[in-house]
Amino acid sequence: MSDKMIKQPVIRVVLVLCLLSCLSLPVSSNTTGFNETHEYASLVSEIKPYPQLEIVTKVDGFKDFKPHWNNRFPQGSTLMVYADALDVSHARFIILDFIFVIKDPRGHIVSWDRVKVRRVGYDDNAYVVYTKTIPSDWIDGPYTIRAFVYDRADFATIMRYEYNYTSHIGDKDFWDDFWDLDEDDDDDDDGGTFVKPLSESRVIMRFREKTFYVDHRASEYPPDWFVISGLRVLPEVVAPGEEAYVTVNVTNTYKAAGRLELICTLDNSTIGSKKLSLDPYTTTTLDFTIPPLVEGEHQLRIISPSAHVAGTPMTAILNVSMEGAEEATSELPTSFVIKSLDIKKIRVKVNESVPIAVTVQNKGREGNGTVQLMINGKLEGERNLSLRYLERRTIYFNVTESNPGTYRVTIPGTGFSRLFFVTEEVEEASSIFGSLTSKTEEKKVSVKTVTLLIILLIALIGFRVYLAMR
């Protein structure tokens, strides 16, 4: 028998054995059945969502929480833990006990607590927030916390009630039991209709333990109480003589409000300083105006003299270049920006011309645009014009109104608004004033004449008395 004939049967036998060994492999237990025990320590973080046990500072909802900054707690402070469980609904019923166990640095169990979840609804997932005040007698050092989830739902009873409800339509006690989830019961072995005793329930999840530290020197406040992020320069390239802006995000990561100060410097000179107060867990955006600069690269820095601020100093470069600005805006659309709206005369008489000046600038690439002028909500006029990048132009409108009243001038799409007033009393008022003045003058002349006559009369009477006495 040749070597070739011997090798062929051997190869076939090897292939058959490999196939049989593959068929005999155990099925991987990657399901989430209710009677399984899961060790989530080996789960890969890329698999999402997955059950989580986290030490946090704030919880806003399912998988929406703020992690604690350093997991260090002084005695008397509060430990907060977030834990969740996935796919734990039985016919809309979620009946869980989360058990939390804490061990001290010497390995002794120093705390056992339970948080219940009793809910009916269509959400398949559940989460709890566990808090623990650190006792004053706990020693400094590393502590571990583990969490276990017991599924206490009696699924067989739930389904029996579901299927047999027609036999109990008029039975009030039946329906009272149907919704009894034992939310306030503290007895571990007694439960509502669908709640198994804890001793008969099984652990469906074991979380990897988390470590935190009890440290009497730890501060209640995080070292990064405020976090500075998202520095942006707008635009990144600007033409000489044009303003730019720098914006930065400020986040308060702590449960208490606080104050801080931010300073913006340009080429090592301060160009702005802002103080602000932020509510807990809020974010705001600050902006600083960069004055017109000469061509070249300029360094911007955001710094803070306040304590508990992370992320500073932040540095950015502003490039001032006409060529660069034109190139940067070549891909942008033409953008006309109204710079000013001026009315030369705000009080005129009927049919008198009102000169109105509008200054417009093109912030985009060279192109055409239209500027419209509205008076009391009606289109008064418009001008079509063509502008190069950053070119400014002032256009004029001459408006006349035949009726007295108040007129509001606006430019659509902007916040510019001005008023002017038309009245018929401008000329009349001056004539009335002149008439009153002339009458006053006439009265003054009359008074002088009368006074002079009285004086002459008195003198004449005195002279006649004098002659009579002689």
Protein backbone atom coordinates (compact mmCIF):
# COMPACT_ATOMS: atom_id res chain seq x y z
CA MET A 1 0.00 0.00 0.00
CA SER A 2 1.35 3.39 -0.98
CA ASP A 3 1.93 6.30 1.36
CA LYS A 4 -0.76 8.32 -0.49
CA MET A 5 -3.41 5.66 0.21
CA ILE A 6 -2.48 5.64 3.91
CA LYS A 7 -2.63 9.43 4.30
CA GLN A 8 -6.16 9.88 2.84
CA PRO A 9 -8.03 7.76 5.49
CA VAL A 10 -6.01 9.43 8.27
CA ILE A 11 -7.00 12.88 7.06
CA ARG A 12 -10.65 11.83 6.92
CA VAL A 13 -10.55 10.51 10.49
CA VAL A 14 -9.00 13.75 11.76
CA LEU A 15 -11.68 15.85 10.04
CA VAL A 16 -14.46 13.70 11.54
CA LEU A 17 -13.01 14.03 15.05
CA CYS A 18 -12.74 17.81 14.70
CA LEU A 19 -16.36 18.03 13.59
CA LEU A 20 -17.54 15.92 16.52
CA SER A 21 -15.55 17.97 19.00
CA CYS A 22 -17.14 21.19 17.66
CA LEU A 23 -20.62 19.73 18.00
CA SER A 24 -19.95 18.72 21.60
CA LEU A 25 -18.87 22.23 22.71
CA PRO A 26 -21.14 23.72 25.43
CA VAL A 27 -23.39 26.56 24.35
CA SER A 28 -22.15 29.93 25.57
CA SER A 29 -24.41 31.37 28.27
CA ASN A 30 -24.75 34.89 26.93
CA THR A 31 -28.46 35.26 27.54
CA THR A 32 -30.11 37.24 30.28
CA GLY A 33 -32.53 34.65 31.64
CA PHE A 34 -34.01 35.37 35.03
CA ASN A 35 -32.57 32.34 36.81
CA GLU A 36 -28.99 32.94 35.68
CA THR A 37 -26.20 34.43 37.76
CA HIS A 38 -24.09 36.95 35.82
CA GLU A 39 -20.60 38.07 36.76
CA TYR A 40 -20.23 41.37 34.93
CA ALA A 41 -16.61 41.83 35.87
CA SER A 42 -15.51 40.31 32.58
CA LEU A 43 -17.84 42.32 30.36
CA VAL A 44 -16.11 44.43 27.75
CA SER A 45 -16.82 48.15 28.05
CA GLU A 46 -17.58 48.40 24.34
CA ILE A 47 -20.69 46.26 24.79
CA LYS A 48 -23.43 48.78 25.51
CA PRO A 49 -25.65 49.03 27.34
CA TYR A 50 -24.40 46.91 30.21
CA PRO A 51 -25.20 46.89 33.93
CA GLN A 52 -23.24 49.48 35.90
CA LEU A 53 -22.23 50.05 39.49
CA GLU A 54 -20.75 53.53 39.88
CA ILE A 55 -19.83 55.91 42.68
CA VAL A 56 -21.46 59.20 41.71
CA THR A 57 -22.32 62.71 42.83
CA LYS A 58 -25.66 63.13 41.04
CA VAL A 59 -28.19 60.93 39.21
CA ASP A 60 -30.69 62.33 36.71
CA GLY A 61 -32.04 59.07 35.31
CA PHE A 62 -31.21 55.69 33.80
CA LYS A 63 -27.49 55.77 32.89
CA ASP A 64 -27.51 59.54 33.38
CA PHE A 65 -25.19 60.36 36.27
CA LYS A 66 -22.14 62.39 37.27
CA PRO A 67 -19.19 60.24 38.45
CA HIS A 68 -17.51 61.21 41.69
CA TRP A 69 -14.28 63.11 41.16
CA ASN A 70 -11.89 61.02 43.32
CA ASN A 71 -13.96 58.53 45.39
CA ARG A 72 -12.59 59.94 48.66
CA PHE A 73 -14.96 60.74 51.52
CA PRO A 74 -14.38 62.26 54.96
CA GLN A 75 -16.33 60.90 57.91
CA GLY A 76 -19.79 62.46 57.99
CA SER A 77 -20.02 62.91 54.22
CA THR A 78 -22.41 60.97 51.98
CA LEU A 79 -21.48 58.12 49.68
CA MET A 80 -23.78 57.91 46.64
CA VAL A 81 -23.89 54.82 44.42
CA TYR A 82 -25.72 54.22 41.14
CA ALA A 83 -26.63 50.66 40.08
CA ASP A 84 -28.82 49.35 37.28
CA ALA A 85 -30.16 46.07 35.92
CA LEU A 86 -31.16 45.27 32.34
CA ASP A 87 -33.96 43.15 30.86
CA VAL A 88 -35.61 42.37 34.20
CA SER A 89 -39.29 42.78 33.35
CA HIS A 90 -41.83 39.94 33.75
CA ALA A 91 -45.04 40.74 31.88
CA ARG A 92 -44.56 44.45 32.82
CA PHE A 93 -43.67 43.64 36.46
CA ILE A 94 -40.23 44.55 37.81
CA ILE A 95 -39.68 43.23 41.34
CA LEU A 96 -36.05 43.52 42.43
CA ASP A 97 -33.96 43.85 45.56
CA PHE A 98 -30.56 45.52 45.23
CA ILE A 99 -28.29 44.46 48.09
CA PHE A 100 -25.23 46.59 48.91
CA VAL A 101 -22.40 45.21 51.07
CA ILE A 102 -19.45 47.32 52.26
CA LYS A 103 -16.19 45.93 53.67
CA ASP A 104 -13.64 47.97 55.61
CA PRO A 105 -9.84 48.00 55.06
CA ARG A 106 -9.50 44.95 57.34
CA GLY A 107 -12.02 42.89 55.39
CA HIS A 108 -14.87 43.17 57.90
CA ILE A 109 -18.43 43.73 56.68
CA VAL A 110 -19.46 47.09 58.11
CA SER A 111 -22.67 47.74 56.17
CA TRP A 112 -25.54 45.78 54.58
CA ASP A 113 -28.40 47.66 52.95
CA ARG A 114 -31.22 46.94 50.56
CA VAL A 115 -32.97 49.11 47.98
CA LYS A 116 -36.21 47.81 46.48
CA VAL A 117 -37.66 48.26 43.03
CA ARG A 118 -41.38 47.52 42.69
CA ARG A 119 -42.82 48.76 39.44
CA VAL A 120 -45.39 47.97 36.76
CA GLY A 121 -44.76 49.40 33.31
CA TYR A 122 -43.21 48.88 29.92
CA ASP A 123 -39.61 49.70 30.78
CA ASP A 124 -37.45 46.56 30.81
CA ASN A 125 -34.64 48.15 32.84
CA ALA A 126 -34.34 49.44 36.39
CA TYR A 127 -31.89 51.53 38.38
CA VAL A 128 -31.49 52.57 42.01
CA VAL A 129 -29.57 55.23 43.91
CA TYR A 130 -28.04 54.06 47.18
CA THR A 131 -26.73 56.57 49.73
CA LYS A 132 -24.73 55.96 52.88
CA THR A 133 -23.55 58.51 55.43
CA ILE A 134 -19.98 57.63 56.38
CA PRO A 135 -20.04 56.92 60.15
CA SER A 136 -17.68 58.90 62.35
CA ASP A 137 -16.07 55.71 63.70
CA TRP A 138 -15.03 54.31 60.31
CA ILE A 139 -11.26 54.23 60.07
CA ASP A 140 -9.33 55.80 57.20
CA GLY A 141 -8.45 53.52 54.32
CA PRO A 142 -9.82 51.71 51.25
CA TYR A 143 -13.34 50.27 51.43
CA THR A 144 -15.03 48.00 48.90
CA ILE A 145 -18.69 47.98 47.96
CA ARG A 146 -20.40 45.13 46.14
CA ALA A 147 -23.93 44.94 44.80
CA PHE A 148 -26.19 41.95 44.20
CA VAL A 149 -29.56 41.95 42.46
CA TYR A 150 -32.28 39.53 43.56
CA ASP A 151 -35.17 38.93 41.19
CA ARG A 152 -38.13 38.44 43.52
CA ALA A 153 -40.83 38.21 40.86
CA ASP A 154 -43.02 35.09 41.00
CA PHE A 155 -43.46 34.75 37.26
CA ALA A 156 -45.63 31.62 37.47
CA THR A 157 -48.15 33.39 39.70
CA ILE A 158 -48.15 36.44 37.43
CA MET A 159 -49.03 34.31 34.41
CA ARG A 160 -51.65 32.34 36.35
CA TYR A 161 -53.42 35.56 37.25
CA GLU A 162 -53.11 36.75 33.65
CA TYR A 163 -54.70 33.61 32.20
CA ASN A 164 -57.43 33.10 34.84
CA TYR A 165 -58.70 36.65 35.16
CA THR A 166 -62.05 35.90 33.49
CA SER A 167 -63.01 33.71 36.44
CA HIS A 168 -62.52 36.62 38.85
CA ILE A 169 -64.12 39.59 37.09
CA GLY A 170 -66.26 40.41 40.13
CA ASP A 171 -63.69 39.47 42.79
CA LYS A 172 -62.33 42.70 44.31
CA ASP A 173 -59.83 40.85 46.52
CA PHE A 174 -58.39 39.17 43.42
CA TRP A 175 -57.68 42.50 41.78
CA ASP A 176 -56.36 44.04 45.01
CA ASP A 177 -53.85 41.20 45.15
CA PHE A 178 -53.09 41.60 41.45
CA TRP A 179 -51.59 45.04 42.00
CA ASP A 180 -50.04 44.36 45.42
CA LEU A 181 -46.28 44.75 44.97
CA ASP A 182 -45.35 44.96 48.65
CA GLU A 183 -43.65 48.34 48.22
CA ASP A 184 -43.60 49.21 51.92
CA ASP A 185 -43.14 45.76 53.45
CA ASP A 186 -39.91 45.29 55.40
CA ASP A 187 -40.28 41.57 56.06
CA ASP A 188 -37.79 39.68 53.90
CA ASP A 189 -39.84 36.49 53.80
CA ASP A 190 -43.26 37.95 53.18
CA GLY A 191 -44.30 39.62 50.00
CA GLY A 192 -47.22 40.57 47.83
CA THR A 193 -49.01 38.22 45.52
CA PHE A 194 -46.25 38.23 42.91
CA VAL A 195 -43.28 38.71 45.26
CA LYS A 196 -41.26 35.67 46.24
CA PRO A 197 -39.71 35.54 49.71
CA LEU A 198 -36.10 36.67 49.62
CA SER A 199 -34.99 33.22 50.79
CA GLU A 200 -36.56 31.68 47.67
CA SER A 201 -35.24 34.30 45.25
CA ARG A 202 -32.03 33.98 43.30
CA VAL A 203 -29.23 36.40 42.57
CA ILE A 204 -29.39 37.35 38.90
CA MET A 205 -26.52 39.85 38.89
CA ARG A 206 -23.25 40.27 40.73
CA PHE A 207 -21.37 43.47 40.06
CA ARG A 208 -17.63 43.92 40.18
CA GLU A 209 -16.74 45.60 43.45
CA LYS A 210 -15.91 49.29 43.58
CA THR A 211 -13.29 50.83 45.84
CA PHE A 212 -13.66 54.10 47.69
CA TYR A 213 -11.57 55.72 50.40
CA VAL A 214 -12.51 57.08 53.78
CA ASP A 215 -10.09 59.91 54.47
CA HIS A 216 -10.59 62.48 57.21
CA ARG A 217 -8.41 64.90 55.22
CA ALA A 218 -10.54 64.66 52.09
CA SER A 219 -12.40 67.79 51.05
CA GLU A 220 -16.12 67.73 50.49
CA TYR A 221 -15.49 69.94 47.47
CA PRO A 222 -13.93 68.47 44.33
CA PRO A 223 -10.54 69.77 43.21
CA ASP A 224 -12.20 70.50 39.88
CA TRP A 225 -15.38 72.05 41.18
CA PHE A 226 -15.46 74.15 38.02
CA VAL A 227 -14.33 72.71 34.69
CA ILE A 228 -13.34 75.00 31.80
CA SER A 229 -13.62 73.53 28.30
CA GLY A 230 -14.47 74.18 24.67
CA LEU A 231 -12.29 77.23 23.94
CA ARG A 232 -13.19 78.62 20.50
CA VAL A 233 -12.00 81.64 18.53
CA LEU A 234 -14.54 83.00 16.05
CA PRO A 235 -13.47 83.38 13.35
CA GLU A 236 -10.16 81.51 13.49
CA VAL A 237 -8.72 83.88 10.88
CA VAL A 238 -9.70 87.54 10.85
CA ALA A 239 -8.76 90.49 8.66
CA PRO A 240 -6.72 93.36 10.12
CA GLY A 241 -8.91 95.93 11.82
CA GLU A 242 -11.77 93.48 12.42
CA GLU A 243 -13.07 92.23 15.76
CA ALA A 244 -13.09 88.57 16.77
CA TYR A 245 -14.59 86.66 19.68
CA VAL A 246 -13.44 83.94 22.05
CA THR A 247 -15.95 81.66 23.80
CA VAL A 248 -15.41 79.11 26.55
CA ASN A 249 -17.69 76.70 28.44
CA VAL A 250 -17.82 76.72 32.25
CA THR A 251 -19.36 73.78 34.14
CA ASN A 252 -20.15 73.52 37.85
CA THR A 253 -19.65 69.82 38.66
CA TYR A 254 -20.69 70.06 42.29
CA LYS A 255 -23.98 69.92 44.20
CA ALA A 256 -23.59 73.48 45.54
CA ALA A 257 -23.59 76.80 43.72
CA GLY A 258 -20.32 78.67 43.46
CA ARG A 259 -18.53 81.72 42.08
CA LEU A 260 -15.42 82.07 39.96
CA GLU A 261 -13.57 84.56 37.79
CA LEU A 262 -12.16 84.09 34.30
CA ILE A 263 -9.60 86.38 32.68
CA CYS A 264 -8.84 86.61 28.96
CA THR A 265 -5.39 87.80 27.92
CA LEU A 266 -4.12 88.74 24.47
CA ASP A 267 -0.36 88.66 23.95
CA ASN A 268 0.06 88.70 27.77
CA SER A 269 -2.18 91.76 28.22
CA THR A 270 -5.60 91.46 29.86
CA ILE A 271 -8.46 92.30 27.51
CA GLY A 272 -11.37 91.12 29.65
CA SER A 273 -12.41 89.71 33.02
CA LYS A 274 -15.74 88.19 34.00
CA LYS A 275 -17.11 86.97 37.32
CA LEU A 276 -20.02 84.59 37.43
CA SER A 277 -22.08 82.46 39.78
CA LEU A 278 -23.14 78.99 38.66
CA ASP A 279 -25.92 76.80 40.03
CA PRO A 280 -25.17 73.12 40.79
CA TYR A 281 -24.50 70.89 37.78
CA THR A 282 -25.01 73.65 35.21
CA THR A 283 -22.99 74.80 32.22
CA THR A 284 -22.78 78.27 30.73
CA THR A 285 -20.80 79.91 27.94
CA LEU A 286 -18.71 83.05 28.40
CA ASP A 287 -17.50 85.20 25.54
CA PHE A 288 -14.87 87.90 25.26
CA THR A 289 -14.49 90.44 22.46
CA ILE A 290 -11.06 90.64 20.84
CA PRO A 291 -10.29 94.17 19.63
CA PRO A 292 -9.04 94.85 16.08
CA LEU A 293 -5.44 93.73 15.63
CA VAL A 294 -2.56 94.17 13.23
CA GLU A 295 -1.58 91.38 10.87
CA GLY A 296 0.19 88.39 12.43
CA GLU A 297 -0.36 85.61 14.99
CA HIS A 298 -1.67 86.56 18.42
CA GLN A 299 -1.86 84.34 21.51
CA LEU A 300 -5.05 84.16 23.55
CA ARG A 301 -5.17 82.66 27.04
CA ILE A 302 -8.01 81.95 29.45
CA ILE A 303 -6.87 81.88 33.08
CA SER A 304 -8.61 81.86 36.46
CA PRO A 305 -7.42 83.19 39.82
CA SER A 306 -10.21 81.24 41.57
CA ALA A 307 -9.73 77.99 43.49
CA HIS A 308 -11.13 74.60 42.42
CA VAL A 309 -10.93 75.33 38.70
CA ALA A 310 -9.74 72.67 36.24
CA GLY A 311 -8.85 73.18 32.60
CA THR A 312 -6.95 76.47 32.82
CA PRO A 313 -4.87 77.98 31.46
CA MET A 314 -6.30 77.42 27.99
CA THR A 315 -4.42 78.76 24.98
CA ALA A 316 -5.42 79.50 21.39
CA ILE A 317 -3.88 81.31 18.43
CA LEU A 318 -5.71 84.00 16.46
CA ASN A 319 -4.37 84.51 12.95
CA VAL A 320 -4.86 88.05 11.61
CA SER A 321 -4.41 88.03 7.84
CA MET A 322 -6.34 89.67 5.03
CA GLU A 323 -5.33 86.95 2.59
CA GLY A 324 -6.17 84.21 5.06
CA ALA A 325 -9.49 85.80 5.95
CA GLU A 326 -10.48 86.08 2.29
CA GLU A 327 -9.48 82.47 1.70
CA ALA A 328 -11.37 81.30 4.78
CA THR A 329 -14.51 83.12 3.69
CA SER A 330 -14.30 82.03 0.04
CA GLU A 331 -16.33 78.95 0.92
CA LEU A 332 -18.84 80.95 2.94
CA PRO A 333 -21.98 82.52 1.45
CA THR A 334 -22.31 86.26 1.01
CA SER A 335 -23.44 87.65 4.36
CA PHE A 336 -24.65 91.24 4.69
CA VAL A 337 -24.57 92.53 8.27
CA ILE A 338 -26.24 95.80 9.30
CA LYS A 339 -23.81 97.85 11.36
CA SER A 340 -25.91 100.96 12.08
CA LEU A 341 -29.27 102.67 11.50
CA ASP A 342 -29.33 106.46 11.89
CA ILE A 343 -32.13 109.03 11.51
CA LYS A 344 -30.83 112.57 11.02
CA LYS A 345 -34.02 114.35 12.19
CA ILE A 346 -36.36 112.67 14.64
CA ARG A 347 -39.01 115.46 14.71
CA VAL A 348 -40.30 116.94 11.45
CA LYS A 349 -43.44 118.58 10.14
CA VAL A 350 -45.86 117.04 7.67
CA ASN A 351 -44.34 116.30 4.21
CA GLU A 352 -40.87 117.21 5.41
CA SER A 353 -38.08 114.84 4.27
CA VAL A 354 -36.53 112.50 6.87
CA PRO A 355 -32.99 111.34 5.92
CA ILE A 356 -32.30 107.75 7.07
CA ALA A 357 -28.80 106.20 6.79
CA VAL A 358 -28.09 102.45 6.92
CA THR A 359 -24.52 101.09 7.08
CA VAL A 360 -24.02 97.53 5.86
CA GLN A 361 -20.96 95.27 5.75
CA ASN A 362 -20.31 92.00 3.91
CA LYS A 363 -18.93 89.34 6.29
CA GLY A 364 -18.83 86.64 3.61
CA ARG A 365 -17.44 86.23 0.13
CA GLU A 366 -17.97 88.93 -2.49
CA GLY A 367 -21.53 89.06 -3.74
CA ASN A 368 -24.84 90.86 -4.08
CA GLY A 369 -27.47 91.56 -1.49
CA THR A 370 -30.57 93.60 -0.71
CA VAL A 371 -31.24 95.96 2.19
CA GLN A 372 -34.90 96.66 2.98
CA LEU A 373 -36.37 99.45 5.08
CA MET A 374 -39.72 99.08 6.84
CA ILE A 375 -41.82 101.84 8.39
CA ASN A 376 -44.58 100.79 10.76
CA GLY A 377 -44.34 97.25 9.39
CA LYS A 378 -44.68 98.22 5.71
CA LEU A 379 -41.94 98.11 3.10
CA GLU A 380 -40.74 101.66 2.47
CA GLY A 381 -37.84 100.95 0.16
CA GLU A 382 -34.97 98.64 -0.72
CA ARG A 383 -31.50 98.89 -2.22
CA ASN A 384 -29.56 96.27 -4.17
CA LEU A 385 -25.79 96.45 -3.84
CA SER A 386 -22.61 94.44 -4.41
CA LEU A 387 -19.89 94.30 -1.75
CA ARG A 388 -16.47 92.72 -1.49
CA TYR A 389 -15.39 90.80 1.63
CA LEU A 390 -15.50 93.16 4.65
CA GLU A 391 -16.48 96.14 2.49
CA ARG A 392 -18.77 98.65 4.20
CA ARG A 393 -21.20 101.01 2.56
CA THR A 394 -23.74 103.52 3.82
CA ILE A 395 -26.98 103.84 1.86
CA TYR A 396 -29.60 106.57 2.28
CA PHE A 397 -33.38 106.65 2.24
CA ASN A 398 -35.38 109.89 2.18
CA VAL A 399 -38.82 109.44 3.67
CA THR A 400 -41.76 111.86 3.79
CA GLU A 401 -45.02 111.36 5.65
CA SER A 402 -48.24 113.29 5.01
CA ASN A 403 -49.93 112.46 8.30
CA PRO A 404 -48.84 113.46 11.80
CA GLY A 405 -47.92 110.62 14.13
CA THR A 406 -45.16 108.33 15.42
CA TYR A 407 -43.27 106.21 12.89
CA ARG A 408 -41.04 103.20 13.67
CA VAL A 409 -38.21 102.36 11.28
CA THR A 410 -36.96 98.75 11.19
CA ILE A 411 -34.71 96.56 9.04
CA PRO A 412 -36.10 93.03 8.51
CA GLY A 413 -34.02 90.25 10.02
CA THR A 414 -32.21 92.53 12.46
CA GLY A 415 -32.84 94.05 15.86
CA PHE A 416 -32.38 97.61 14.63
CA SER A 417 -35.30 99.96 15.35
CA ARG A 418 -35.65 103.75 15.47
CA LEU A 419 -38.50 106.28 15.87
CA PHE A 420 -39.28 109.64 14.28
CA PHE A 421 -42.24 112.00 14.84
CA VAL A 422 -44.32 113.98 12.35
CA THR A 423 -46.33 116.96 13.61
CA GLU A 424 -48.35 119.88 12.19
CA GLU A 425 -47.58 122.19 15.14
CA VAL A 426 -44.02 123.13 14.35
CA GLU A 427 -44.86 126.43 12.48
CA GLU A 428 -47.99 127.16 14.50
CA ALA A 429 -46.11 126.86 17.72
CA SER A 430 -43.60 129.53 16.64
CA SER A 431 -46.33 131.91 15.46
CA ILE A 432 -48.25 131.46 18.69
CA PHE A 433 -45.10 132.12 20.62
CA GLY A 434 -44.49 135.29 18.54
CA SER A 435 -48.05 136.47 19.11
CA LEU A 436 -47.77 135.93 22.82
CA THR A 437 -44.46 137.79 22.82
CA SER A 438 -45.91 140.80 20.95
CA LYS A 439 -48.91 140.96 23.25
CA THR A 440 -46.61 140.86 26.24
CA GLU A 441 -44.57 143.70 24.79
CA GLU A 442 -47.75 145.72 24.15
CA LYS A 443 -48.82 145.16 27.73
CA LYS A 444 -45.42 146.34 28.94
CA VAL A 445 -45.74 149.59 26.88
CA SER A 446 -49.26 150.23 28.22
CA VAL A 447 -48.16 149.81 31.81
CA LYS A 448 -45.30 152.26 31.33
CA THR A 449 -47.62 154.87 29.78
CA VAL A 450 -50.17 154.62 32.57
CA THR A 451 -47.45 154.84 35.20
CA LEU A 452 -46.02 157.98 33.57
CA LEU A 453 -49.44 159.64 33.39
CA ILE A 454 -50.10 158.89 37.06
CA ILE A 455 -46.78 160.43 38.03
CA LEU A 456 -47.54 163.57 35.95
CA LEU A 457 -51.01 163.81 37.49
CA ILE A 458 -49.63 163.58 41.02
CA ALA A 459 -47.03 166.23 40.20
CA LEU A 460 -49.72 168.54 38.76
CA ILE A 461 -51.96 168.15 41.83
CA GLY A 462 -49.00 168.82 44.11
CA PHE A 463 -48.12 171.98 42.16
CA ARG A 464 -51.70 173.36 42.39
CA VAL A 465 -51.80 172.69 46.14
CA TYR A 466 -48.54 174.59 46.47
CA LEU A 467 -49.95 177.61 44.56
CA ALA A 468 -53.10 177.64 46.68
CA MET A 469 -51.13 177.75 49.91
CA ARG A 470 -49.21 180.82 48.78
